[in-house]
Amino acid sequence: MTVFGMLRITPITDDDVTEEVAAAVEALEEYDVAYETNPMSTVVEAEDLDELLAAVGAAHEAVPGDHVNTLLQIDDMRTKDLEACEKVEAVEDELGREATSDR
């Protein structure tokens, strides 16, 4: 089984949030998950839902502040094992190129 999460943790503030987002990403290191951060979110990959939720909970708790907004979308692959890179590769195979622009 493989479970993916698209995680976005947003401290509600007028200040720069780079330090807080870095703290959330660093918290993921304590768990048996793979992750990749992009400009809009972090994709987290785990073997089971419990590990994913524990990692996400720790990431949320790692962010200081009075108001933190966390959005999590879960893709629970219950009948097969599939890595995140394989999902991207399938799209790239269909496109016949990398799934990024040259701009």
N, C-alpha and C. Protein backbone atom coordinates (compact mmCIF):
# COMPACT_ATOMS: atom_id res chain seq x y z
N MET A 1 0.85 -1.18 0.00
CA MET A 1 0.00 0.00 0.00
C MET A 1 0.89 1.24 0.00
N THR A 2 0.47 2.25 -0.71
CA THR A 2 1.15 3.53 -0.72
C THR A 2 0.12 4.62 -0.49
N VAL A 3 0.48 5.60 0.30
CA VAL A 3 -0.41 6.73 0.52
C VAL A 3 0.38 8.01 0.29
N PHE A 4 -0.23 8.93 -0.44
CA PHE A 4 0.37 10.22 -0.75
C PHE A 4 -0.44 11.31 -0.08
N GLY A 5 0.23 12.37 0.30
CA GLY A 5 -0.45 13.54 0.82
C GLY A 5 0.11 14.78 0.17
N MET A 6 -0.78 15.68 -0.22
CA MET A 6 -0.35 17.00 -0.67
C MET A 6 -0.60 17.92 0.51
N LEU A 7 0.47 18.45 1.06
CA LEU A 7 0.43 19.18 2.31
C LEU A 7 0.79 20.64 2.08
N ARG A 8 -0.05 21.50 2.62
CA ARG A 8 0.27 22.93 2.60
C ARG A 8 0.02 23.48 3.99
N ILE A 9 1.09 23.95 4.61
CA ILE A 9 1.00 24.54 5.94
C ILE A 9 1.30 26.02 5.80
N THR A 10 0.38 26.84 6.26
CA THR A 10 0.49 28.28 6.08
C THR A 10 0.33 29.00 7.41
N PRO A 11 1.40 29.57 7.93
CA PRO A 11 1.25 30.44 9.09
C PRO A 11 0.51 31.71 8.66
N ILE A 12 -0.49 32.10 9.41
CA ILE A 12 -1.27 33.29 9.06
C ILE A 12 -0.58 34.51 9.70
N THR A 13 0.12 35.25 8.84
CA THR A 13 0.88 36.40 9.29
C THR A 13 1.16 37.29 8.09
N ASP A 14 1.52 38.52 8.35
CA ASP A 14 1.93 39.43 7.29
C ASP A 14 3.44 39.33 7.03
N ASP A 15 4.15 38.60 7.88
CA ASP A 15 5.59 38.47 7.77
C ASP A 15 5.97 37.36 6.79
N ASP A 16 7.23 37.31 6.43
CA ASP A 16 7.76 36.22 5.60
C ASP A 16 7.62 34.91 6.37
N VAL A 17 7.22 33.85 5.69
CA VAL A 17 6.95 32.57 6.36
C VAL A 17 7.99 31.50 6.04
N THR A 18 9.09 31.86 5.41
CA THR A 18 10.10 30.89 5.01
C THR A 18 10.60 30.06 6.18
N GLU A 19 10.91 30.69 7.28
CA GLU A 19 11.44 30.00 8.45
C GLU A 19 10.43 28.99 9.01
N GLU A 20 9.17 29.38 9.05
CA GLU A 20 8.13 28.50 9.57
C GLU A 20 7.89 27.31 8.65
N VAL A 21 7.89 27.55 7.34
CA VAL A 21 7.70 26.46 6.39
C VAL A 21 8.89 25.50 6.47
N ALA A 22 10.09 26.02 6.62
CA ALA A 22 11.27 25.17 6.76
C ALA A 22 11.17 24.31 8.02
N ALA A 23 10.63 24.84 9.09
CA ALA A 23 10.45 24.06 10.32
C ALA A 23 9.47 22.91 10.10
N ALA A 24 8.42 23.16 9.35
CA ALA A 24 7.45 22.11 9.04
C ALA A 24 8.10 21.01 8.20
N VAL A 25 8.86 21.39 7.19
CA VAL A 25 9.53 20.41 6.33
C VAL A 25 10.55 19.63 7.15
N GLU A 26 11.30 20.29 8.00
CA GLU A 26 12.30 19.62 8.83
C GLU A 26 11.66 18.58 9.75
N ALA A 27 10.47 18.85 10.23
CA ALA A 27 9.78 17.91 11.12
C ALA A 27 9.47 16.58 10.42
N LEU A 28 9.33 16.60 9.11
CA LEU A 28 9.05 15.38 8.35
C LEU A 28 10.21 14.40 8.43
N GLU A 29 11.42 14.90 8.68
CA GLU A 29 12.62 14.06 8.73
C GLU A 29 12.55 13.00 9.83
N GLU A 30 11.73 13.21 10.82
CA GLU A 30 11.63 12.27 11.95
C GLU A 30 10.74 11.07 11.63
N TYR A 31 10.19 11.02 10.44
CA TYR A 31 9.22 9.98 10.08
C TYR A 31 9.69 9.21 8.86
N ASP A 32 9.14 8.02 8.69
CA ASP A 32 9.50 7.17 7.56
C ASP A 32 8.65 7.56 6.35
N VAL A 33 8.92 8.75 5.84
CA VAL A 33 8.21 9.27 4.68
C VAL A 33 9.22 9.84 3.69
N ALA A 34 8.82 9.86 2.44
CA ALA A 34 9.56 10.59 1.41
C ALA A 34 8.77 11.86 1.14
N TYR A 35 9.46 12.92 0.79
CA TYR A 35 8.73 14.16 0.51
C TYR A 35 9.48 14.99 -0.52
N GLU A 36 8.74 15.85 -1.19
CA GLU A 36 9.30 16.81 -2.13
C GLU A 36 8.52 18.09 -2.00
N THR A 37 9.25 19.16 -1.75
CA THR A 37 8.62 20.47 -1.60
C THR A 37 8.69 21.22 -2.92
N ASN A 38 7.58 21.87 -3.28
CA ASN A 38 7.54 22.72 -4.46
C ASN A 38 7.06 24.10 -4.02
N PRO A 39 6.93 25.06 -4.90
CA PRO A 39 6.56 26.41 -4.47
C PRO A 39 5.18 26.53 -3.81
N MET A 40 4.32 25.56 -4.02
CA MET A 40 2.95 25.66 -3.50
C MET A 40 2.63 24.69 -2.37
N SER A 41 3.38 23.59 -2.25
CA SER A 41 3.04 22.57 -1.26
C SER A 41 4.19 21.60 -1.11
N THR A 42 3.98 20.60 -0.29
CA THR A 42 4.93 19.50 -0.14
C THR A 42 4.16 18.21 -0.35
N VAL A 43 4.66 17.36 -1.23
CA VAL A 43 4.06 16.05 -1.46
C VAL A 43 4.78 15.06 -0.54
N VAL A 44 4.01 14.34 0.24
CA VAL A 44 4.54 13.38 1.21
C VAL A 44 4.08 11.99 0.81
N GLU A 45 4.99 11.02 0.86
CA GLU A 45 4.69 9.64 0.47
C GLU A 45 5.03 8.73 1.64
N ALA A 46 4.11 7.85 2.01
CA ALA A 46 4.33 6.92 3.13
C ALA A 46 3.78 5.55 2.78
N GLU A 47 4.21 4.56 3.54
CA GLU A 47 3.73 3.19 3.33
C GLU A 47 2.31 3.00 3.86
N ASP A 48 1.94 3.79 4.88
CA ASP A 48 0.59 3.64 5.42
C ASP A 48 0.05 4.98 5.92
N LEU A 49 -1.24 5.02 6.08
CA LEU A 49 -1.93 6.25 6.46
C LEU A 49 -1.50 6.75 7.83
N ASP A 50 -1.29 5.84 8.78
CA ASP A 50 -0.90 6.27 10.13
C ASP A 50 0.42 7.04 10.11
N GLU A 51 1.39 6.54 9.35
CA GLU A 51 2.69 7.22 9.28
C GLU A 51 2.54 8.58 8.61
N LEU A 52 1.75 8.65 7.55
CA LEU A 52 1.52 9.93 6.88
C LEU A 52 0.89 10.93 7.84
N LEU A 53 -0.14 10.52 8.54
CA LEU A 53 -0.85 11.44 9.44
C LEU A 53 0.03 11.86 10.61
N ALA A 54 0.86 10.95 11.12
CA ALA A 54 1.78 11.32 12.19
C ALA A 54 2.78 12.37 11.71
N ALA A 55 3.33 12.16 10.52
CA ALA A 55 4.30 13.11 9.96
C ALA A 55 3.66 14.47 9.72
N VAL A 56 2.47 14.47 9.16
CA VAL A 56 1.76 15.73 8.89
C VAL A 56 1.43 16.45 10.20
N GLY A 57 1.00 15.70 11.19
CA GLY A 57 0.71 16.30 12.49
C GLY A 57 1.94 16.95 13.10
N ALA A 58 3.08 16.28 13.00
CA ALA A 58 4.33 16.84 13.53
C ALA A 58 4.73 18.09 12.75
N ALA A 59 4.55 18.07 11.44
CA ALA A 59 4.88 19.25 10.63
C ALA A 59 4.00 20.43 11.03
N HIS A 60 2.73 20.17 11.24
CA HIS A 60 1.81 21.24 11.66
C HIS A 60 2.24 21.80 13.02
N GLU A 61 2.54 20.91 13.97
CA GLU A 61 2.92 21.34 15.32
C GLU A 61 4.26 22.06 15.34
N ALA A 62 5.12 21.82 14.36
CA ALA A 62 6.45 22.44 14.32
C ALA A 62 6.40 23.92 13.96
N VAL A 63 5.27 24.36 13.43
CA VAL A 63 5.14 25.76 13.01
C VAL A 63 4.68 26.61 14.19
N PRO A 64 5.51 27.57 14.60
CA PRO A 64 5.10 28.44 15.70
C PRO A 64 4.09 29.48 15.23
N GLY A 65 3.44 30.09 16.16
CA GLY A 65 2.53 31.18 15.82
C GLY A 65 1.16 30.98 16.41
N ASP A 66 0.39 32.03 16.35
CA ASP A 66 -0.95 32.04 16.92
C ASP A 66 -2.01 31.45 16.00
N HIS A 67 -1.70 31.39 14.69
CA HIS A 67 -2.70 30.95 13.72
C HIS A 67 -1.99 30.23 12.58
N VAL A 68 -2.25 28.94 12.46
CA VAL A 68 -1.62 28.13 11.42
C VAL A 68 -2.72 27.39 10.67
N ASN A 69 -2.69 27.49 9.36
CA ASN A 69 -3.68 26.83 8.50
C ASN A 69 -2.99 25.68 7.77
N THR A 70 -3.54 24.47 7.91
CA THR A 70 -2.96 23.30 7.24
C THR A 70 -4.01 22.66 6.35
N LEU A 71 -3.61 22.41 5.11
CA LEU A 71 -4.47 21.75 4.13
C LEU A 71 -3.79 20.45 3.73
N LEU A 72 -4.52 19.33 3.79
CA LEU A 72 -3.98 18.03 3.43
C LEU A 72 -4.95 17.33 2.50
N GLN A 73 -4.45 16.93 1.36
CA GLN A 73 -5.22 16.10 0.42
C GLN A 73 -4.54 14.74 0.39
N ILE A 74 -5.31 13.67 0.58
CA ILE A 74 -4.77 12.32 0.66
C ILE A 74 -5.17 11.51 -0.56
N ASP A 75 -4.19 10.79 -1.12
CA ASP A 75 -4.40 9.83 -2.20
C ASP A 75 -3.97 8.49 -1.64
N ASP A 76 -4.92 7.64 -1.27
CA ASP A 76 -4.66 6.38 -0.59
C ASP A 76 -4.76 5.23 -1.59
N MET A 77 -3.61 4.73 -2.03
CA MET A 77 -3.54 3.65 -3.00
C MET A 77 -3.66 2.32 -2.25
N ARG A 78 -4.85 1.83 -2.05
CA ARG A 78 -5.07 0.69 -1.17
C ARG A 78 -4.80 -0.67 -1.80
N THR A 79 -4.74 -0.76 -3.11
CA THR A 79 -4.60 -2.07 -3.73
C THR A 79 -3.27 -2.27 -4.46
N LYS A 80 -2.41 -1.26 -4.48
CA LYS A 80 -1.11 -1.46 -5.14
C LYS A 80 -0.08 -0.51 -4.57
N ASP A 81 1.17 -0.89 -4.76
CA ASP A 81 2.29 -0.04 -4.37
C ASP A 81 2.71 0.79 -5.59
N LEU A 82 2.86 2.07 -5.41
CA LEU A 82 3.24 2.96 -6.48
C LEU A 82 3.98 4.14 -5.87
N GLU A 83 5.15 4.44 -6.38
CA GLU A 83 5.89 5.58 -5.90
C GLU A 83 5.46 6.84 -6.63
N ALA A 84 5.64 7.98 -5.96
CA ALA A 84 5.25 9.25 -6.56
C ALA A 84 5.94 9.47 -7.90
N CYS A 85 7.21 9.10 -7.99
CA CYS A 85 7.94 9.30 -9.24
C CYS A 85 7.33 8.50 -10.39
N GLU A 86 6.72 7.35 -10.06
CA GLU A 86 6.08 6.55 -11.10
C GLU A 86 4.83 7.24 -11.64
N LYS A 87 4.13 7.97 -10.78
CA LYS A 87 2.96 8.72 -11.24
C LYS A 87 3.38 9.81 -12.22
N VAL A 88 4.48 10.49 -11.89
CA VAL A 88 5.00 11.54 -12.77
C VAL A 88 5.51 10.93 -14.07
N GLU A 89 6.23 9.82 -13.97
CA GLU A 89 6.75 9.16 -15.17
C GLU A 89 5.63 8.74 -16.12
N ALA A 90 4.50 8.30 -15.59
CA ALA A 90 3.37 7.91 -16.44
C ALA A 90 2.86 9.10 -17.25
N VAL A 91 2.79 10.25 -16.61
CA VAL A 91 2.35 11.47 -17.32
C VAL A 91 3.40 11.85 -18.36
N GLU A 92 4.66 11.78 -17.99
CA GLU A 92 5.72 12.13 -18.94
C GLU A 92 5.75 11.17 -20.12
N ASP A 93 5.50 9.89 -19.88
CA ASP A 93 5.43 8.93 -20.98
C ASP A 93 4.30 9.30 -21.94
N GLU A 94 3.17 9.70 -21.39
CA GLU A 94 2.03 10.09 -22.23
C GLU A 94 2.34 11.36 -23.02
N LEU A 95 3.03 12.29 -22.38
CA LEU A 95 3.41 13.54 -23.06
C LEU A 95 4.54 13.32 -24.07
N GLY A 96 5.39 12.34 -23.81
CA GLY A 96 6.57 12.15 -24.63
C GLY A 96 7.68 13.13 -24.30
N ARG A 97 7.64 13.70 -23.11
CA ARG A 97 8.63 14.68 -22.66
C ARG A 97 8.50 14.85 -21.15
N GLU A 98 9.41 15.62 -20.58
CA GLU A 98 9.32 15.93 -19.16
C GLU A 98 8.08 16.78 -18.90
N ALA A 99 7.52 16.67 -17.72
CA ALA A 99 6.31 17.42 -17.39
C ALA A 99 6.66 18.78 -16.77
N THR A 100 7.60 19.47 -17.41
CA THR A 100 7.97 20.83 -17.03
C THR A 100 8.13 21.64 -18.30
N SER A 101 8.00 22.95 -18.17
CA SER A 101 8.14 23.80 -19.34
C SER A 101 9.57 24.26 -19.50
N ASP A 102 9.89 24.79 -20.65
CA ASP A 102 11.22 25.33 -20.92
C ASP A 102 11.28 26.82 -20.62
N ARG A 103 10.18 27.40 -20.17
CA ARG A 103 10.15 28.84 -19.89
C ARG A 103 10.92 29.19 -18.67
